N, C-alpha and C. Protein backbone atom coordinates (compact mmCIF):
# COMPACT_ATOMS: atom_id res chain seq x y z
N MET A 1 0.85 -1.17 0.00
CA MET A 1 0.00 0.00 0.00
C MET A 1 0.90 1.24 0.00
N PHE A 2 0.57 2.20 -0.82
CA PHE A 2 1.37 3.41 -0.91
C PHE A 2 0.62 4.57 -0.25
N TYR A 3 1.35 5.32 0.53
CA TYR A 3 0.79 6.48 1.19
C TYR A 3 1.37 7.74 0.59
N ARG A 4 0.58 8.78 0.56
CA ARG A 4 1.07 10.06 0.09
C ARG A 4 1.90 10.69 1.20
N LYS A 5 3.08 11.12 0.88
CA LYS A 5 3.98 11.69 1.89
C LYS A 5 3.38 12.97 2.45
N ASN A 6 3.48 13.13 3.77
CA ASN A 6 2.98 14.35 4.38
C ASN A 6 4.04 15.01 5.27
N LEU A 7 5.30 14.64 5.08
CA LEU A 7 6.39 15.25 5.83
C LEU A 7 7.41 15.84 4.87
N PRO A 8 7.81 17.10 5.09
CA PRO A 8 8.86 17.68 4.23
C PRO A 8 10.21 17.03 4.51
N GLY A 9 11.15 17.22 3.60
CA GLY A 9 12.47 16.58 3.70
C GLY A 9 13.22 16.93 4.96
N TRP A 10 13.20 18.20 5.38
CA TRP A 10 13.94 18.58 6.59
C TRP A 10 13.36 17.90 7.82
N GLU A 11 12.04 17.73 7.87
CA GLU A 11 11.43 17.07 9.03
C GLU A 11 11.70 15.57 9.02
N ARG A 12 11.76 14.98 7.84
CA ARG A 12 12.12 13.56 7.74
C ARG A 12 13.52 13.33 8.28
N ALA A 13 14.45 14.22 7.92
CA ALA A 13 15.82 14.10 8.41
C ALA A 13 15.88 14.27 9.92
N MET A 14 15.15 15.24 10.45
CA MET A 14 15.16 15.48 11.89
C MET A 14 14.52 14.32 12.66
N ARG A 15 13.48 13.73 12.11
CA ARG A 15 12.87 12.57 12.77
C ARG A 15 13.83 11.39 12.79
N THR A 16 14.56 11.18 11.70
CA THR A 16 15.52 10.08 11.65
C THR A 16 16.65 10.30 12.64
N ILE A 17 17.21 11.49 12.66
CA ILE A 17 18.29 11.80 13.61
C ILE A 17 17.79 11.71 15.04
N GLY A 18 16.62 12.29 15.30
CA GLY A 18 16.04 12.23 16.64
C GLY A 18 15.74 10.81 17.08
N GLY A 19 15.30 9.98 16.16
CA GLY A 19 15.02 8.58 16.49
C GLY A 19 16.28 7.83 16.89
N VAL A 20 17.37 8.07 16.17
CA VAL A 20 18.64 7.43 16.53
C VAL A 20 19.09 7.88 17.91
N VAL A 21 18.94 9.17 18.19
CA VAL A 21 19.32 9.71 19.50
C VAL A 21 18.44 9.10 20.60
N MET A 22 17.13 8.97 20.35
CA MET A 22 16.25 8.39 21.36
C MET A 22 16.57 6.92 21.63
N ILE A 23 16.92 6.17 20.58
CA ILE A 23 17.29 4.77 20.79
C ILE A 23 18.56 4.68 21.62
N ALA A 24 19.56 5.49 21.28
CA ALA A 24 20.81 5.47 22.06
C ALA A 24 20.57 5.89 23.50
N TYR A 25 19.75 6.91 23.71
CA TYR A 25 19.44 7.37 25.06
C TYR A 25 18.68 6.31 25.84
N GLY A 26 17.73 5.67 25.19
CA GLY A 26 16.93 4.65 25.87
C GLY A 26 17.73 3.43 26.28
N PHE A 27 18.69 3.02 25.45
CA PHE A 27 19.47 1.83 25.77
C PHE A 27 20.70 2.10 26.61
N PHE A 28 21.34 3.27 26.43
CA PHE A 28 22.64 3.48 27.07
C PHE A 28 22.73 4.68 28.00
N GLY A 29 21.88 5.68 27.87
CA GLY A 29 22.14 6.93 28.57
C GLY A 29 21.10 7.41 29.53
N MET A 30 20.41 6.53 30.22
CA MET A 30 19.39 6.96 31.16
C MET A 30 20.02 7.43 32.47
N PRO A 31 20.24 8.73 32.66
CA PRO A 31 20.82 9.19 33.92
C PRO A 31 19.77 9.26 35.02
N GLY A 32 20.23 9.37 36.23
CA GLY A 32 19.31 9.54 37.36
C GLY A 32 18.85 8.22 37.94
N LEU A 33 17.58 8.16 38.31
CA LEU A 33 17.04 6.98 38.98
C LEU A 33 17.00 5.76 38.07
N LEU A 34 16.86 5.97 36.77
CA LEU A 34 16.75 4.85 35.84
C LEU A 34 18.06 4.61 35.11
N SER A 35 19.17 4.63 35.84
CA SER A 35 20.48 4.57 35.20
C SER A 35 20.88 3.16 34.77
N MET A 36 20.18 2.14 35.22
CA MET A 36 20.54 0.79 34.83
C MET A 36 20.02 0.48 33.43
N PRO A 37 20.87 -0.10 32.58
CA PRO A 37 20.39 -0.48 31.25
C PRO A 37 19.32 -1.56 31.34
N GLY A 38 18.38 -1.55 30.43
CA GLY A 38 17.37 -2.60 30.40
C GLY A 38 16.12 -2.28 31.21
N THR A 39 15.90 -1.01 31.55
CA THR A 39 14.69 -0.65 32.28
C THR A 39 13.52 -0.52 31.32
N THR A 40 12.33 -0.60 31.86
CA THR A 40 11.13 -0.47 31.04
C THR A 40 11.07 0.90 30.38
N ALA A 41 11.41 1.95 31.12
CA ALA A 41 11.39 3.30 30.56
C ALA A 41 12.39 3.42 29.41
N GLY A 42 13.54 2.82 29.54
CA GLY A 42 14.53 2.85 28.47
C GLY A 42 14.04 2.16 27.21
N TYR A 43 13.36 1.02 27.38
CA TYR A 43 12.82 0.31 26.23
C TYR A 43 11.69 1.11 25.57
N LEU A 44 10.88 1.80 26.36
CA LEU A 44 9.82 2.63 25.78
C LEU A 44 10.38 3.79 24.99
N ILE A 45 11.44 4.41 25.50
CA ILE A 45 12.08 5.51 24.78
C ILE A 45 12.69 4.99 23.48
N ALA A 46 13.32 3.83 23.53
CA ALA A 46 13.91 3.25 22.33
C ALA A 46 12.83 2.88 21.30
N ALA A 47 11.70 2.36 21.75
CA ALA A 47 10.61 2.03 20.83
C ALA A 47 10.05 3.28 20.18
N THR A 48 9.95 4.37 20.94
CA THR A 48 9.49 5.63 20.38
C THR A 48 10.47 6.13 19.33
N GLY A 49 11.76 5.93 19.57
CA GLY A 49 12.76 6.29 18.58
C GLY A 49 12.63 5.48 17.30
N ALA A 50 12.29 4.20 17.44
CA ALA A 50 12.10 3.37 16.25
C ALA A 50 10.91 3.84 15.42
N VAL A 51 9.85 4.28 16.09
CA VAL A 51 8.69 4.81 15.37
C VAL A 51 9.06 6.11 14.66
N ALA A 52 9.85 6.96 15.33
CA ALA A 52 10.28 8.22 14.71
C ALA A 52 11.13 7.94 13.46
N ILE A 53 12.00 6.95 13.53
CA ILE A 53 12.82 6.59 12.37
C ILE A 53 11.93 6.08 11.24
N ALA A 54 10.95 5.26 11.56
CA ALA A 54 10.06 4.71 10.53
C ALA A 54 9.27 5.82 9.84
N THR A 55 8.73 6.77 10.60
CA THR A 55 7.97 7.86 9.98
C THR A 55 8.90 8.74 9.15
N GLY A 56 10.13 8.93 9.60
CA GLY A 56 11.08 9.71 8.81
C GLY A 56 11.49 9.00 7.55
N PHE A 57 11.66 7.70 7.61
CA PHE A 57 12.08 6.93 6.44
C PHE A 57 10.98 6.90 5.38
N PHE A 58 9.74 6.65 5.80
CA PHE A 58 8.65 6.55 4.84
C PHE A 58 8.07 7.90 4.45
N GLY A 59 8.29 8.94 5.26
CA GLY A 59 7.77 10.26 4.94
C GLY A 59 6.29 10.41 5.20
N PHE A 60 5.72 9.49 5.95
CA PHE A 60 4.29 9.52 6.25
C PHE A 60 4.10 9.41 7.75
N CYS A 61 3.35 10.34 8.31
CA CYS A 61 3.03 10.32 9.73
C CYS A 61 1.52 10.13 9.88
N PRO A 62 1.08 9.04 10.49
CA PRO A 62 -0.36 8.80 10.62
C PRO A 62 -1.08 9.88 11.44
N MET A 63 -0.44 10.38 12.46
CA MET A 63 -1.07 11.43 13.27
C MET A 63 -1.23 12.73 12.49
N CYS A 64 -0.23 13.05 11.67
CA CYS A 64 -0.33 14.25 10.82
C CYS A 64 -1.46 14.08 9.81
N ALA A 65 -1.61 12.87 9.29
CA ALA A 65 -2.69 12.60 8.33
C ALA A 65 -4.06 12.72 8.99
N MET A 66 -4.16 12.32 10.26
CA MET A 66 -5.43 12.39 10.97
C MET A 66 -5.92 13.83 11.11
N VAL A 67 -5.00 14.78 11.27
CA VAL A 67 -5.40 16.18 11.42
C VAL A 67 -5.41 16.91 10.09
N GLY A 68 -5.12 16.20 8.99
CA GLY A 68 -5.24 16.79 7.66
C GLY A 68 -4.00 17.48 7.14
N ARG A 69 -2.85 17.22 7.70
CA ARG A 69 -1.62 17.84 7.23
C ARG A 69 -1.21 17.25 5.89
N ARG A 70 -0.89 18.11 4.94
CA ARG A 70 -0.45 17.67 3.61
C ARG A 70 0.68 18.55 3.15
N LEU A 71 1.51 18.01 2.29
CA LEU A 71 2.56 18.79 1.67
C LEU A 71 1.95 19.64 0.56
N PRO A 72 2.46 20.85 0.37
CA PRO A 72 1.96 21.65 -0.75
C PRO A 72 2.30 20.97 -2.07
N SER A 73 1.34 20.90 -2.95
CA SER A 73 1.60 20.27 -4.25
C SER A 73 2.40 21.23 -5.13
N SER A 74 3.37 20.67 -5.86
CA SER A 74 4.22 21.53 -6.69
C SER A 74 3.95 21.36 -8.15
């Protein structure tokens, strides 16, 4: 199934970079009370990063589509 892209290129790049950072933070860099690797909060942050990478890679965000966001047609 093909979806119409609703994310501009700069936002796709930022989502991909942010997703990589969230995965690294979730697995390796949880400071404070949750400093041990393998915590539930760390896994949730890493999973959120994976979703951010997927939306950046495909250029389609389901939540943006729900509110009617579209790219300007050229």
